[in-house]
């Protein structure tokens, strides 16, 4: 996903029944506390990554329509999962 396909990503996540509750930020660094983070804050954080040119994942499209998403990015763009 890039700045050019941002609208496609937003459309997928904001559609009825889609994962707008997380914006695929569950394993990415967020400033401050993680509890009770509002959807709008998660979206802003994801869009800031996109605007900065940070790799965040890929969109799947069929006939020009966005139908899926996979969060695939360099390891350093995710938060630490263990203390090792």
N, C-alpha and C. Protein backbone atom coordinates (compact mmCIF):
# COMPACT_ATOMS: atom_id res chain seq x y z
N UNK A 1 0.83 -1.17 0.00
CA UNK A 1 0.00 0.00 0.00
C UNK A 1 0.88 1.24 0.00
N UNK A 2 0.47 2.25 -0.73
CA UNK A 2 1.22 3.50 -0.84
C UNK A 2 0.27 4.69 -0.66
N UNK A 3 0.85 5.86 -0.71
CA UNK A 3 0.01 7.07 -0.65
C UNK A 3 -1.04 7.06 -1.76
N UNK A 4 -0.65 6.52 -2.93
CA UNK A 4 -1.56 6.51 -4.07
C UNK A 4 -2.75 5.56 -3.86
N UNK A 5 -2.59 4.53 -3.05
CA UNK A 5 -3.68 3.57 -2.83
C UNK A 5 -4.32 3.73 -1.45
N UNK A 6 -3.98 4.81 -0.79
CA UNK A 6 -4.51 5.07 0.56
C UNK A 6 -6.04 5.07 0.58
N UNK A 7 -6.67 5.69 -0.40
CA UNK A 7 -8.14 5.75 -0.43
C UNK A 7 -8.74 4.35 -0.56
N UNK A 8 -8.09 3.47 -1.31
CA UNK A 8 -8.57 2.10 -1.43
C UNK A 8 -8.50 1.38 -0.08
N UNK A 9 -7.41 1.59 0.63
CA UNK A 9 -7.23 0.99 1.96
C UNK A 9 -8.29 1.51 2.92
N UNK A 10 -8.48 2.83 2.94
CA UNK A 10 -9.48 3.42 3.82
C UNK A 10 -10.88 2.90 3.49
N UNK A 11 -11.19 2.78 2.22
CA UNK A 11 -12.49 2.28 1.81
C UNK A 11 -12.72 0.85 2.29
N UNK A 12 -11.68 0.03 2.21
CA UNK A 12 -11.79 -1.35 2.67
C UNK A 12 -12.03 -1.40 4.17
N UNK A 13 -11.26 -0.64 4.93
CA UNK A 13 -11.37 -0.68 6.39
C UNK A 13 -12.62 0.02 6.92
N UNK A 14 -13.18 0.95 6.17
CA UNK A 14 -14.35 1.68 6.64
C UNK A 14 -15.67 1.07 6.15
N UNK A 15 -15.60 0.07 5.28
CA UNK A 15 -16.82 -0.57 4.77
C UNK A 15 -17.55 -1.30 5.88
N UNK A 16 -18.83 -1.50 5.69
CA UNK A 16 -19.67 -2.21 6.65
C UNK A 16 -19.06 -3.58 6.99
N UNK A 17 -18.92 -3.84 8.29
CA UNK A 17 -18.41 -5.13 8.75
C UNK A 17 -16.91 -5.33 8.62
N UNK A 18 -16.19 -4.28 8.32
CA UNK A 18 -14.74 -4.39 8.11
C UNK A 18 -13.97 -4.09 9.41
N UNK A 19 -12.66 -4.31 9.39
CA UNK A 19 -11.85 -4.21 10.63
C UNK A 19 -11.45 -2.80 11.04
N UNK A 20 -12.36 -1.83 10.98
CA UNK A 20 -11.99 -0.47 11.36
C UNK A 20 -11.69 -0.34 12.84
N UNK A 21 -12.03 -1.37 13.62
CA UNK A 21 -11.74 -1.34 15.06
C UNK A 21 -10.25 -1.38 15.34
N UNK A 22 -9.45 -1.88 14.41
CA UNK A 22 -8.01 -2.02 14.70
C UNK A 22 -7.09 -1.27 13.74
N UNK A 23 -7.54 -1.07 12.51
CA UNK A 23 -6.70 -0.44 11.48
C UNK A 23 -5.33 -1.11 11.38
N UNK A 24 -5.25 -2.38 11.72
CA UNK A 24 -4.02 -3.18 11.65
C UNK A 24 -2.88 -2.53 12.45
N UNK A 25 -3.23 -1.96 13.58
CA UNK A 25 -2.23 -1.32 14.44
C UNK A 25 -1.95 -2.13 15.71
N UNK A 26 -2.53 -3.32 15.83
CA UNK A 26 -2.38 -4.12 17.06
C UNK A 26 -0.91 -4.42 17.37
N UNK A 27 -0.09 -4.65 16.38
CA UNK A 27 1.31 -5.02 16.61
C UNK A 27 2.28 -3.93 16.17
N UNK A 28 1.78 -2.75 15.94
CA UNK A 28 2.65 -1.62 15.56
C UNK A 28 2.77 -0.67 16.74
N UNK A 29 3.89 0.03 16.82
CA UNK A 29 4.08 0.96 17.94
C UNK A 29 3.05 2.09 17.93
N UNK A 30 2.56 2.41 19.12
CA UNK A 30 1.66 3.55 19.32
C UNK A 30 2.22 4.38 20.46
N UNK A 31 2.14 5.70 20.36
CA UNK A 31 2.59 6.51 21.49
C UNK A 31 1.63 6.38 22.66
N UNK A 32 2.16 6.35 23.86
CA UNK A 32 1.31 6.30 25.06
C UNK A 32 0.71 4.94 25.32
N UNK A 33 -0.42 4.95 26.03
CA UNK A 33 -1.08 3.71 26.43
C UNK A 33 -1.83 3.07 25.26
N UNK A 34 -1.95 1.76 25.30
CA UNK A 34 -2.64 1.02 24.24
C UNK A 34 -4.10 0.75 24.60
N UNK A 35 -4.45 0.84 25.87
CA UNK A 35 -5.82 0.55 26.27
C UNK A 35 -6.77 1.66 25.81
N UNK A 36 -7.91 1.27 25.38
CA UNK A 36 -9.00 2.20 25.04
C UNK A 36 -8.60 3.23 23.98
N UNK A 37 -7.80 2.82 23.02
CA UNK A 37 -7.43 3.71 21.92
C UNK A 37 -8.61 3.77 20.96
N UNK A 38 -9.02 4.97 20.63
CA UNK A 38 -10.17 5.18 19.75
C UNK A 38 -9.82 4.80 18.30
N UNK A 39 -10.83 4.38 17.54
CA UNK A 39 -10.64 3.99 16.15
C UNK A 39 -9.99 5.11 15.34
N UNK A 40 -10.42 6.33 15.57
CA UNK A 40 -9.88 7.47 14.82
C UNK A 40 -8.39 7.65 15.09
N UNK A 41 -7.96 7.39 16.32
CA UNK A 41 -6.54 7.51 16.65
C UNK A 41 -5.73 6.42 15.95
N UNK A 42 -6.28 5.21 15.88
CA UNK A 42 -5.61 4.12 15.19
C UNK A 42 -5.48 4.43 13.70
N UNK A 43 -6.54 4.96 13.12
CA UNK A 43 -6.51 5.34 11.71
C UNK A 43 -5.46 6.42 11.48
N UNK A 44 -5.44 7.44 12.33
CA UNK A 44 -4.43 8.51 12.18
C UNK A 44 -3.02 7.95 12.25
N UNK A 45 -2.78 7.01 13.17
CA UNK A 45 -1.45 6.42 13.31
C UNK A 45 -1.06 5.63 12.06
N UNK A 46 -2.01 4.85 11.52
CA UNK A 46 -1.72 4.09 10.30
C UNK A 46 -1.48 5.02 9.13
N UNK A 47 -2.30 6.03 8.98
CA UNK A 47 -2.14 6.96 7.87
C UNK A 47 -0.84 7.76 7.98
N UNK A 48 -0.38 8.03 9.19
CA UNK A 48 0.91 8.70 9.38
C UNK A 48 2.05 7.81 8.88
N UNK A 49 1.94 6.51 9.14
CA UNK A 49 2.95 5.58 8.63
C UNK A 49 2.96 5.60 7.10
N UNK A 50 1.78 5.56 6.51
CA UNK A 50 1.66 5.57 5.05
C UNK A 50 2.24 6.87 4.48
N UNK A 51 1.87 7.99 5.07
CA UNK A 51 2.37 9.29 4.59
C UNK A 51 3.88 9.40 4.72
N UNK A 52 4.45 8.72 5.72
CA UNK A 52 5.90 8.74 5.91
C UNK A 52 6.62 7.79 4.95
N UNK A 53 5.84 7.02 4.19
CA UNK A 53 6.44 6.07 3.25
C UNK A 53 6.86 4.76 3.90
N UNK A 54 6.39 4.50 5.11
CA UNK A 54 6.71 3.26 5.82
C UNK A 54 5.94 2.10 5.21
N UNK A 55 6.59 1.00 4.86
CA UNK A 55 5.85 -0.16 4.35
C UNK A 55 4.90 -0.69 5.42
N UNK A 56 3.64 -0.92 5.05
CA UNK A 56 2.67 -1.43 6.02
C UNK A 56 1.94 -2.68 5.54
N UNK A 57 1.93 -2.94 4.25
CA UNK A 57 1.25 -4.13 3.76
C UNK A 57 0.86 -4.01 2.30
N UNK A 58 0.04 -4.99 1.87
CA UNK A 58 -0.38 -5.02 0.47
C UNK A 58 -1.91 -5.12 0.39
N UNK A 59 -2.44 -4.55 -0.67
CA UNK A 59 -3.88 -4.62 -0.94
C UNK A 59 -4.11 -5.66 -2.03
N UNK A 60 -5.21 -6.37 -1.93
CA UNK A 60 -5.63 -7.29 -2.98
C UNK A 60 -6.78 -6.65 -3.74
N UNK A 61 -6.68 -6.67 -5.06
CA UNK A 61 -7.74 -6.07 -5.87
C UNK A 61 -8.17 -7.03 -6.97
N UNK A 62 -9.47 -6.99 -7.27
CA UNK A 62 -10.03 -7.75 -8.38
C UNK A 62 -10.82 -6.76 -9.23
N UNK A 63 -10.47 -6.71 -10.49
CA UNK A 63 -11.16 -5.79 -11.42
C UNK A 63 -11.21 -4.37 -10.89
N UNK A 64 -10.12 -3.91 -10.26
CA UNK A 64 -10.04 -2.54 -9.76
C UNK A 64 -10.73 -2.30 -8.43
N UNK A 65 -11.33 -3.32 -7.85
CA UNK A 65 -12.00 -3.18 -6.55
C UNK A 65 -11.14 -3.83 -5.47
N UNK A 66 -10.92 -3.10 -4.38
CA UNK A 66 -10.13 -3.62 -3.27
C UNK A 66 -10.96 -4.63 -2.50
N UNK A 67 -10.43 -5.85 -2.39
CA UNK A 67 -11.17 -6.94 -1.76
C UNK A 67 -10.45 -7.56 -0.57
N UNK A 68 -9.20 -7.15 -0.33
CA UNK A 68 -8.47 -7.75 0.78
C UNK A 68 -7.23 -6.97 1.14
N UNK A 69 -6.61 -7.41 2.24
CA UNK A 69 -5.46 -6.71 2.81
C UNK A 69 -4.58 -7.72 3.54
N UNK A 70 -3.29 -7.53 3.48
CA UNK A 70 -2.35 -8.35 4.26
C UNK A 70 -1.30 -7.42 4.84
N UNK A 71 -1.16 -7.46 6.14
CA UNK A 71 -0.16 -6.64 6.83
C UNK A 71 1.19 -7.33 6.71
N UNK A 72 2.01 -6.87 5.77
CA UNK A 72 3.33 -7.41 5.53
C UNK A 72 4.30 -6.24 5.50
N UNK A 73 5.25 -6.23 6.42
CA UNK A 73 6.17 -5.09 6.51
C UNK A 73 7.47 -5.54 7.16
N UNK A 74 8.51 -4.74 7.05
CA UNK A 74 9.77 -5.07 7.71
C UNK A 74 9.58 -5.23 9.22
N UNK A 75 10.31 -6.13 9.82
CA UNK A 75 10.19 -6.45 11.24
C UNK A 75 10.31 -5.20 12.12
N UNK A 76 11.19 -4.29 11.78
CA UNK A 76 11.42 -3.12 12.63
C UNK A 76 10.22 -2.18 12.67
N UNK A 77 9.23 -2.37 11.79
CA UNK A 77 8.04 -1.52 11.84
C UNK A 77 7.00 -2.04 12.82
N UNK A 78 7.26 -3.20 13.42
CA UNK A 78 6.37 -3.78 14.42
C UNK A 78 6.99 -3.60 15.80
N UNK A 79 6.14 -3.57 16.84
CA UNK A 79 6.67 -3.46 18.18
C UNK A 79 7.25 -4.81 18.63
N UNK A 80 8.10 -4.77 19.64
CA UNK A 80 8.70 -6.00 20.16
C UNK A 80 7.62 -6.89 20.75
N UNK A 81 7.72 -8.17 20.46
CA UNK A 81 6.75 -9.12 20.98
C UNK A 81 7.27 -9.83 22.23
N UNK A 82 8.58 -9.81 22.42
CA UNK A 82 9.19 -10.43 23.59
C UNK A 82 10.28 -9.50 24.11
N UNK A 83 10.80 -9.83 25.28
CA UNK A 83 11.87 -9.02 25.84
C UNK A 83 13.24 -9.45 25.35
N UNK A 84 13.32 -10.46 24.51
CA UNK A 84 14.61 -10.95 24.01
C UNK A 84 15.11 -10.12 22.88
